[in-house]
Amino acid sequence: MAVIVHSNENIDSALRRLHREVLREKILETYRAKAFRVKPSVLDAEKRRAYAKTKRRRRSASRKAK
């Protein structure tokens, strides 16, 4: 994994590209899974939290669309 910073590119945009690449390849999640024992209940709670966030956003977007 590498990000090449071009001469005319802002350092913030290069860092943003690096962050996107890290998220895309799931490097942090893999590290966390290998470094610590993650209980299945914690994984379930994360899934529920993410679904609730999506549900909230969809509901508020549909209310704003009216």
N, C-alpha and C. Protein backbone atom coordinates (compact mmCIF):
# COMPACT_ATOMS: atom_id res chain seq x y z
N MET A 1 0.84 -1.16 0.00
CA MET A 1 0.00 0.00 0.00
C MET A 1 0.89 1.23 0.00
N ALA A 2 0.63 2.13 -0.93
CA ALA A 2 1.44 3.34 -1.01
C ALA A 2 0.63 4.44 -1.68
N VAL A 3 0.95 5.65 -1.28
CA VAL A 3 0.35 6.82 -1.91
C VAL A 3 1.48 7.74 -2.32
N ILE A 4 1.54 8.06 -3.58
CA ILE A 4 2.58 8.94 -4.09
C ILE A 4 2.04 10.37 -4.11
N VAL A 5 2.75 11.25 -3.45
CA VAL A 5 2.35 12.66 -3.40
C VAL A 5 2.98 13.37 -4.58
N HIS A 6 2.15 13.95 -5.43
CA HIS A 6 2.64 14.66 -6.61
C HIS A 6 3.12 16.05 -6.22
N SER A 7 3.92 16.64 -7.07
CA SER A 7 4.54 17.93 -6.73
C SER A 7 3.51 19.05 -6.58
N ASN A 8 2.44 18.99 -7.36
CA ASN A 8 1.44 20.06 -7.30
C ASN A 8 0.24 19.67 -6.43
N GLU A 9 0.36 18.61 -5.65
CA GLU A 9 -0.77 18.12 -4.84
C GLU A 9 -0.63 18.59 -3.39
N ASN A 10 -1.76 18.90 -2.82
CA ASN A 10 -1.82 19.31 -1.42
C ASN A 10 -1.60 18.07 -0.54
N ILE A 11 -0.89 18.24 0.57
CA ILE A 11 -0.59 17.10 1.45
C ILE A 11 -1.86 16.55 2.08
N ASP A 12 -2.85 17.41 2.32
CA ASP A 12 -4.11 16.95 2.91
C ASP A 12 -4.86 16.00 1.97
N SER A 13 -4.85 16.30 0.68
CA SER A 13 -5.54 15.42 -0.26
C SER A 13 -4.81 14.08 -0.38
N ALA A 14 -3.49 14.10 -0.27
CA ALA A 14 -2.73 12.85 -0.30
C ALA A 14 -3.04 12.00 0.94
N LEU A 15 -3.12 12.65 2.09
CA LEU A 15 -3.49 11.93 3.31
C LEU A 15 -4.90 11.36 3.22
N ARG A 16 -5.79 12.12 2.60
CA ARG A 16 -7.16 11.65 2.41
C ARG A 16 -7.19 10.39 1.53
N ARG A 17 -6.36 10.41 0.47
CA ARG A 17 -6.28 9.23 -0.40
C ARG A 17 -5.72 8.04 0.35
N LEU A 18 -4.71 8.28 1.19
CA LEU A 18 -4.14 7.20 1.99
C LEU A 18 -5.18 6.63 2.95
N HIS A 19 -5.94 7.51 3.58
CA HIS A 19 -6.98 7.06 4.52
C HIS A 19 -8.03 6.22 3.80
N ARG A 20 -8.43 6.65 2.60
CA ARG A 20 -9.41 5.88 1.83
C ARG A 20 -8.87 4.50 1.48
N GLU A 21 -7.60 4.44 1.13
CA GLU A 21 -6.99 3.16 0.78
C GLU A 21 -6.91 2.24 1.99
N VAL A 22 -6.59 2.80 3.15
CA VAL A 22 -6.56 2.01 4.39
C VAL A 22 -7.94 1.45 4.69
N LEU A 23 -8.97 2.28 4.53
CA LEU A 23 -10.33 1.82 4.79
C LEU A 23 -10.75 0.76 3.78
N ARG A 24 -10.36 0.96 2.52
CA ARG A 24 -10.75 0.02 1.47
C ARG A 24 -10.14 -1.37 1.71
N GLU A 25 -8.89 -1.40 2.16
CA GLU A 25 -8.22 -2.67 2.37
C GLU A 25 -8.44 -3.23 3.77
N LYS A 26 -9.19 -2.52 4.60
CA LYS A 26 -9.56 -2.97 5.95
C LYS A 26 -8.34 -3.31 6.81
N ILE A 27 -7.33 -2.47 6.73
CA ILE A 27 -6.09 -2.72 7.47
C ILE A 27 -6.29 -2.57 8.97
N LEU A 28 -6.99 -1.51 9.38
CA LEU A 28 -7.19 -1.28 10.81
C LEU A 28 -8.05 -2.37 11.44
N GLU A 29 -9.08 -2.80 10.71
CA GLU A 29 -9.96 -3.85 11.23
C GLU A 29 -9.20 -5.17 11.37
N THR A 30 -8.36 -5.47 10.40
CA THR A 30 -7.56 -6.69 10.47
C THR A 30 -6.59 -6.64 11.63
N TYR A 31 -5.96 -5.49 11.82
CA TYR A 31 -5.02 -5.34 12.94
C TYR A 31 -5.73 -5.53 14.27
N ARG A 32 -6.89 -4.91 14.41
CA ARG A 32 -7.63 -5.01 15.66
C ARG A 32 -8.07 -6.45 15.94
N ALA A 33 -8.48 -7.15 14.88
CA ALA A 33 -8.92 -8.54 15.03
C ALA A 33 -7.76 -9.43 15.45
N LYS A 34 -6.55 -9.13 14.97
CA LYS A 34 -5.40 -9.96 15.31
C LYS A 34 -4.76 -9.57 16.64
N ALA A 35 -4.84 -8.30 17.00
CA ALA A 35 -4.18 -7.82 18.21
C ALA A 35 -4.97 -8.17 19.47
N PHE A 36 -6.29 -8.10 19.37
CA PHE A 36 -7.13 -8.32 20.54
C PHE A 36 -8.17 -9.37 20.22
N ARG A 37 -8.65 -10.01 21.25
CA ARG A 37 -9.76 -10.94 21.07
C ARG A 37 -11.04 -10.13 21.05
N VAL A 38 -11.78 -10.26 19.97
CA VAL A 38 -13.04 -9.54 19.83
C VAL A 38 -14.17 -10.54 20.03
N LYS A 39 -14.96 -10.30 21.04
CA LYS A 39 -16.06 -11.21 21.34
C LYS A 39 -17.16 -11.06 20.29
N PRO A 40 -17.85 -12.14 20.00
CA PRO A 40 -18.94 -12.06 19.01
C PRO A 40 -20.02 -11.05 19.41
N SER A 41 -20.24 -10.88 20.71
CA SER A 41 -21.27 -9.92 21.14
C SER A 41 -20.87 -8.49 20.77
N VAL A 42 -19.58 -8.19 20.80
CA VAL A 42 -19.11 -6.85 20.42
C VAL A 42 -19.33 -6.64 18.93
N LEU A 43 -19.08 -7.66 18.13
CA LEU A 43 -19.31 -7.56 16.69
C LEU A 43 -20.79 -7.33 16.40
N ASP A 44 -21.64 -8.06 17.11
CA ASP A 44 -23.08 -7.89 16.92
C ASP A 44 -23.52 -6.48 17.29
N ALA A 45 -22.97 -5.96 18.38
CA ALA A 45 -23.33 -4.61 18.82
C ALA A 45 -22.89 -3.58 17.79
N GLU A 46 -21.71 -3.77 17.18
CA GLU A 46 -21.24 -2.85 16.14
C GLU A 46 -22.15 -2.87 14.93
N LYS A 47 -22.58 -4.07 14.55
CA LYS A 47 -23.50 -4.19 13.41
C LYS A 47 -24.81 -3.49 13.70
N ARG A 48 -25.34 -3.70 14.91
CA ARG A 48 -26.60 -3.05 15.29
C ARG A 48 -26.46 -1.53 15.28
N ARG A 49 -25.33 -1.03 15.81
CA ARG A 49 -25.09 0.40 15.86
C ARG A 49 -25.00 0.98 14.45
N ALA A 50 -24.30 0.29 13.57
CA ALA A 50 -24.17 0.78 12.19
C ALA A 50 -25.52 0.77 11.48
N TYR A 51 -26.33 -0.27 11.72
CA TYR A 51 -27.65 -0.34 11.09
C TYR A 51 -28.55 0.77 11.62
N ALA A 52 -28.48 1.02 12.92
CA ALA A 52 -29.29 2.08 13.51
C ALA A 52 -28.91 3.44 12.94
N LYS A 53 -27.62 3.65 12.73
CA LYS A 53 -27.15 4.91 12.15
C LYS A 53 -27.69 5.08 10.74
N THR A 54 -27.62 4.02 9.95
CA THR A 54 -28.14 4.05 8.58
C THR A 54 -29.64 4.31 8.59
N LYS A 55 -30.34 3.64 9.49
CA LYS A 55 -31.78 3.79 9.59
C LYS A 55 -32.15 5.23 9.96
N ARG A 56 -31.41 5.82 10.92
CA ARG A 56 -31.65 7.22 11.30
C ARG A 56 -31.44 8.15 10.13
N ARG A 57 -30.35 7.93 9.40
CA ARG A 57 -30.06 8.81 8.25
C ARG A 57 -31.13 8.70 7.18
N ARG A 58 -31.56 7.48 6.90
CA ARG A 58 -32.60 7.29 5.88
C ARG A 58 -33.89 7.96 6.29
N ARG A 59 -34.25 7.79 7.57
CA ARG A 59 -35.50 8.39 8.05
C ARG A 59 -35.45 9.91 7.96
N SER A 60 -34.34 10.49 8.40
CA SER A 60 -34.24 11.95 8.36
C SER A 60 -34.19 12.44 6.92
N ALA A 61 -33.56 11.70 6.03
CA ALA A 61 -33.52 12.12 4.62
C ALA A 61 -34.90 12.06 4.00
N SER A 62 -35.69 11.04 4.36
CA SER A 62 -37.04 10.96 3.80
C SER A 62 -37.93 12.06 4.35
N ARG A 63 -37.70 12.44 5.62
CA ARG A 63 -38.48 13.55 6.18
C ARG A 63 -38.11 14.87 5.52
N LYS A 64 -36.83 15.06 5.24
CA LYS A 64 -36.38 16.29 4.59
C LYS A 64 -36.86 16.36 3.14
N ALA A 65 -37.03 15.21 2.50
CA ALA A 65 -37.44 15.17 1.10
C ALA A 65 -38.91 15.57 0.94
N LYS A 66 -39.69 15.44 2.00
CA LYS A 66 -41.13 15.78 1.89
C LYS A 66 -41.39 17.23 1.73
